[in-house]
């Protein structure tokens, strides 16, 4: 299955801390759910164990909102949630 990125989704990736590989994996292997405006949502959790904006998180959850186009998907936008925050002790 092919996954293409709309320019809006590409811009959101850098802002929200995800990669094209994670977006593709979310569409290909994530949980599928209906979304507004005839779109389809995909959700997947990734082990993170990293720092985002000064806090350490255990998990990164990526949600992709896409439309079917031809034989593949066009990712319109995405949301990233960081889960399991811990205090940084420096």
N, C-alpha and C. Protein backbone atom coordinates (compact mmCIF):
# COMPACT_ATOMS: atom_id res chain seq x y z
N UNK A 1 0.85 -1.17 0.00
CA UNK A 1 0.00 0.00 0.00
C UNK A 1 0.90 1.23 0.00
N UNK A 2 0.54 2.21 -0.81
CA UNK A 2 1.34 3.43 -0.84
C UNK A 2 0.74 4.49 0.08
N UNK A 3 1.62 5.25 0.69
CA UNK A 3 1.20 6.35 1.56
C UNK A 3 1.94 7.59 1.08
N UNK A 4 1.17 8.59 0.65
CA UNK A 4 1.76 9.86 0.23
C UNK A 4 1.43 10.91 1.28
N UNK A 5 2.27 11.92 1.36
CA UNK A 5 2.09 12.98 2.35
C UNK A 5 1.66 14.28 1.67
N UNK A 6 0.58 14.83 2.13
CA UNK A 6 0.14 16.16 1.70
C UNK A 6 1.16 17.16 2.27
N UNK A 7 1.40 18.29 1.59
CA UNK A 7 2.35 19.28 2.13
C UNK A 7 2.02 19.71 3.56
N UNK A 8 0.73 19.77 3.90
CA UNK A 8 0.35 20.13 5.28
C UNK A 8 0.87 19.09 6.27
N UNK A 9 0.71 17.81 5.94
CA UNK A 9 1.20 16.74 6.81
C UNK A 9 2.72 16.79 6.95
N UNK A 10 3.41 17.08 5.85
CA UNK A 10 4.88 17.18 5.90
C UNK A 10 5.32 18.29 6.85
N UNK A 11 4.64 19.41 6.81
CA UNK A 11 4.99 20.52 7.69
C UNK A 11 4.72 20.17 9.15
N UNK A 12 3.65 19.44 9.41
CA UNK A 12 3.30 19.08 10.79
C UNK A 12 4.28 18.05 11.37
N UNK A 13 4.88 17.20 10.53
CA UNK A 13 5.80 16.18 11.04
C UNK A 13 6.93 16.81 11.85
N UNK A 14 7.60 17.79 11.30
CA UNK A 14 8.72 18.43 11.99
C UNK A 14 8.26 19.16 13.24
N UNK A 15 7.13 19.86 13.14
CA UNK A 15 6.60 20.60 14.29
C UNK A 15 6.24 19.69 15.46
N UNK A 16 5.78 18.50 15.14
CA UNK A 16 5.21 17.63 16.17
C UNK A 16 6.10 16.45 16.52
N UNK A 17 7.23 16.32 15.84
CA UNK A 17 8.24 15.36 16.26
C UNK A 17 8.04 13.93 15.79
N UNK A 18 7.61 13.75 14.57
CA UNK A 18 7.50 12.40 14.03
C UNK A 18 8.23 12.31 12.70
N UNK A 19 8.33 11.12 12.16
CA UNK A 19 9.06 10.90 10.92
C UNK A 19 8.13 10.33 9.85
N UNK A 20 8.58 10.40 8.61
CA UNK A 20 7.80 9.82 7.52
C UNK A 20 7.63 8.31 7.72
N UNK A 21 8.66 7.65 8.23
CA UNK A 21 8.58 6.20 8.47
C UNK A 21 7.50 5.88 9.51
N UNK A 22 7.40 6.71 10.57
CA UNK A 22 6.37 6.48 11.58
C UNK A 22 4.97 6.75 11.03
N UNK A 23 4.84 7.76 10.20
CA UNK A 23 3.55 8.06 9.58
C UNK A 23 3.12 6.89 8.69
N UNK A 24 4.04 6.40 7.87
CA UNK A 24 3.73 5.27 6.99
C UNK A 24 3.37 4.03 7.80
N UNK A 25 4.13 3.73 8.85
CA UNK A 25 3.85 2.57 9.69
C UNK A 25 2.49 2.70 10.38
N UNK A 26 2.12 3.92 10.76
CA UNK A 26 0.83 4.14 11.40
C UNK A 26 -0.30 3.81 10.44
N UNK A 27 -0.19 4.26 9.19
CA UNK A 27 -1.24 3.98 8.21
C UNK A 27 -1.27 2.49 7.86
N UNK A 28 -0.11 1.89 7.69
CA UNK A 28 -0.05 0.49 7.27
C UNK A 28 -0.39 -0.49 8.38
N UNK A 29 -0.04 -0.18 9.63
CA UNK A 29 -0.16 -1.17 10.71
C UNK A 29 -0.96 -0.70 11.91
N UNK A 30 -1.41 0.55 11.89
CA UNK A 30 -2.10 1.09 13.06
C UNK A 30 -3.58 0.73 13.11
N UNK A 31 -4.18 1.09 14.22
CA UNK A 31 -5.62 0.94 14.41
C UNK A 31 -6.34 1.92 13.50
N UNK A 32 -7.37 1.46 12.83
CA UNK A 32 -8.13 2.31 11.90
C UNK A 32 -9.44 2.72 12.57
N UNK A 33 -9.85 4.00 12.36
CA UNK A 33 -11.12 4.47 12.91
C UNK A 33 -11.70 5.55 12.00
N UNK A 34 -13.04 5.68 11.99
CA UNK A 34 -13.66 6.70 11.14
C UNK A 34 -13.39 8.09 11.70
N UNK A 35 -13.24 9.06 10.80
CA UNK A 35 -12.99 10.45 11.20
C UNK A 35 -13.94 11.37 10.45
N UNK A 36 -13.92 12.64 10.83
CA UNK A 36 -14.78 13.64 10.20
C UNK A 36 -14.41 13.87 8.73
N UNK A 37 -15.37 14.43 8.01
CA UNK A 37 -15.18 14.87 6.62
C UNK A 37 -14.83 13.73 5.68
N UNK A 38 -15.30 12.51 5.98
CA UNK A 38 -15.05 11.37 5.12
C UNK A 38 -13.64 10.83 5.16
N UNK A 39 -12.89 11.25 6.15
CA UNK A 39 -11.50 10.80 6.29
C UNK A 39 -11.44 9.54 7.15
N UNK A 40 -10.30 8.91 7.13
CA UNK A 40 -10.03 7.75 7.97
C UNK A 40 -8.87 8.10 8.89
N UNK A 41 -9.01 7.75 10.17
CA UNK A 41 -7.94 7.97 11.12
C UNK A 41 -7.18 6.68 11.36
N UNK A 42 -5.91 6.82 11.63
CA UNK A 42 -5.05 5.68 11.97
C UNK A 42 -4.27 6.07 13.21
N UNK A 43 -4.12 5.14 14.15
CA UNK A 43 -3.43 5.43 15.41
C UNK A 43 -2.47 4.29 15.73
N UNK A 44 -1.27 4.67 16.17
CA UNK A 44 -0.29 3.67 16.57
C UNK A 44 0.63 4.25 17.63
N UNK A 45 0.99 3.42 18.61
CA UNK A 45 1.94 3.80 19.66
C UNK A 45 3.33 3.28 19.29
N UNK A 46 4.33 4.11 19.56
CA UNK A 46 5.72 3.76 19.33
C UNK A 46 6.49 3.91 20.64
N UNK A 47 7.37 2.96 20.97
CA UNK A 47 8.25 3.17 22.12
C UNK A 47 9.10 4.41 21.85
N UNK A 48 9.23 5.27 22.84
CA UNK A 48 9.94 6.53 22.62
C UNK A 48 11.15 6.64 23.54
N UNK A 49 10.93 6.60 24.85
CA UNK A 49 12.02 6.71 25.83
C UNK A 49 12.98 7.85 25.46
N UNK A 50 12.41 8.99 25.15
CA UNK A 50 13.22 10.14 24.77
C UNK A 50 12.67 11.42 25.37
N UNK A 51 13.29 12.52 24.98
CA UNK A 51 12.89 13.82 25.51
C UNK A 51 12.22 14.63 24.41
N UNK A 52 11.12 15.26 24.76
CA UNK A 52 10.41 16.17 23.87
C UNK A 52 10.07 17.42 24.66
N UNK A 53 10.58 18.56 24.22
CA UNK A 53 10.34 19.84 24.87
C UNK A 53 10.65 19.82 26.36
N UNK A 54 11.79 19.22 26.68
CA UNK A 54 12.30 19.26 28.05
C UNK A 54 11.75 18.22 29.00
N UNK A 55 10.88 17.34 28.52
CA UNK A 55 10.35 16.28 29.39
C UNK A 55 10.61 14.93 28.73
N UNK A 56 10.79 13.92 29.55
CA UNK A 56 11.06 12.58 29.06
C UNK A 56 9.76 11.79 29.03
N UNK A 57 9.55 11.07 27.93
CA UNK A 57 8.33 10.29 27.73
C UNK A 57 8.69 8.86 27.35
N UNK A 58 7.80 7.94 27.72
CA UNK A 58 8.01 6.53 27.42
C UNK A 58 7.44 6.14 26.05
N UNK A 59 6.37 6.81 25.64
CA UNK A 59 5.65 6.41 24.44
C UNK A 59 5.29 7.62 23.59
N UNK A 60 5.31 7.42 22.28
CA UNK A 60 4.85 8.44 21.33
C UNK A 60 3.67 7.83 20.59
N UNK A 61 2.52 8.53 20.60
CA UNK A 61 1.35 8.07 19.87
C UNK A 61 1.15 8.96 18.65
N UNK A 62 1.09 8.33 17.48
CA UNK A 62 0.92 9.06 16.23
C UNK A 62 -0.48 8.77 15.70
N UNK A 63 -1.22 9.83 15.37
CA UNK A 63 -2.52 9.72 14.70
C UNK A 63 -2.40 10.39 13.35
N UNK A 64 -2.82 9.68 12.32
CA UNK A 64 -2.78 10.20 10.95
C UNK A 64 -4.20 10.23 10.42
N UNK A 65 -4.57 11.34 9.79
CA UNK A 65 -5.88 11.47 9.15
C UNK A 65 -5.65 11.51 7.65
N UNK A 66 -6.29 10.56 6.95
CA UNK A 66 -5.99 10.36 5.53
C UNK A 66 -7.25 10.12 4.72
N UNK A 67 -7.10 10.24 3.41
CA UNK A 67 -8.16 9.88 2.47
C UNK A 67 -7.60 8.86 1.49
N UNK A 68 -8.47 7.96 1.06
CA UNK A 68 -8.05 6.98 0.07
C UNK A 68 -7.96 7.67 -1.28
N UNK A 69 -6.87 7.41 -1.97
CA UNK A 69 -6.65 8.04 -3.27
C UNK A 69 -5.98 7.02 -4.17
N UNK A 70 -6.70 6.65 -5.22
CA UNK A 70 -6.17 5.60 -6.09
C UNK A 70 -6.05 4.31 -5.31
N UNK A 71 -4.90 3.68 -5.39
CA UNK A 71 -4.67 2.44 -4.65
C UNK A 71 -3.99 2.64 -3.31
N UNK A 72 -3.87 3.89 -2.85
CA UNK A 72 -3.16 4.14 -1.61
C UNK A 72 -3.86 5.18 -0.76
N UNK A 73 -3.09 5.79 0.13
CA UNK A 73 -3.60 6.78 1.08
C UNK A 73 -2.84 8.09 0.93
N UNK A 74 -3.57 9.19 1.09
CA UNK A 74 -2.97 10.51 1.14
C UNK A 74 -3.14 11.02 2.57
N UNK A 75 -2.04 11.14 3.30
CA UNK A 75 -2.07 11.64 4.68
C UNK A 75 -2.27 13.15 4.63
N UNK A 76 -3.37 13.62 5.22
CA UNK A 76 -3.71 15.04 5.18
C UNK A 76 -3.07 15.79 6.35
N UNK A 77 -3.22 15.24 7.55
CA UNK A 77 -2.65 15.87 8.74
C UNK A 77 -2.33 14.80 9.76
N UNK A 78 -1.68 15.20 10.84
CA UNK A 78 -1.33 14.25 11.88
C UNK A 78 -1.22 14.94 13.24
N UNK A 79 -1.39 14.13 14.25
CA UNK A 79 -1.28 14.58 15.64
C UNK A 79 -0.32 13.64 16.34
N UNK A 80 0.52 14.18 17.20
CA UNK A 80 1.44 13.36 17.98
C UNK A 80 1.21 13.65 19.45
N UNK A 81 1.04 12.60 20.24
CA UNK A 81 0.91 12.74 21.69
C UNK A 81 2.07 12.00 22.34
N UNK A 82 2.61 12.62 23.37
CA UNK A 82 3.67 11.99 24.14
C UNK A 82 3.08 11.56 25.46
N UNK A 83 3.33 10.30 25.83
CA UNK A 83 2.65 9.68 26.97
C UNK A 83 3.70 9.16 27.96
N UNK A 84 3.36 9.23 29.23
CA UNK A 84 4.22 8.67 30.27
C UNK A 84 5.37 9.60 30.65
N UNK A 85 5.05 10.87 30.90
CA UNK A 85 6.09 11.85 31.25
C UNK A 85 6.73 11.54 32.58
N UNK A 86 8.03 11.76 32.65
CA UNK A 86 8.77 11.64 33.90
C UNK A 86 9.55 12.93 34.11
N UNK A 87 9.88 13.22 35.33
CA UNK A 87 10.68 14.42 35.65
C UNK A 87 12.10 14.25 35.18
N UNK A 88 12.67 15.28 34.60
CA UNK A 88 14.09 15.30 34.26
C UNK A 88 14.84 15.88 35.45
N UNK A 89 15.80 15.15 35.95
CA UNK A 89 16.59 15.60 37.10
C UNK A 89 18.01 15.87 36.66
N UNK A 90 18.28 17.13 36.36
CA UNK A 90 19.62 17.50 35.89
C UNK A 90 20.36 18.27 36.95
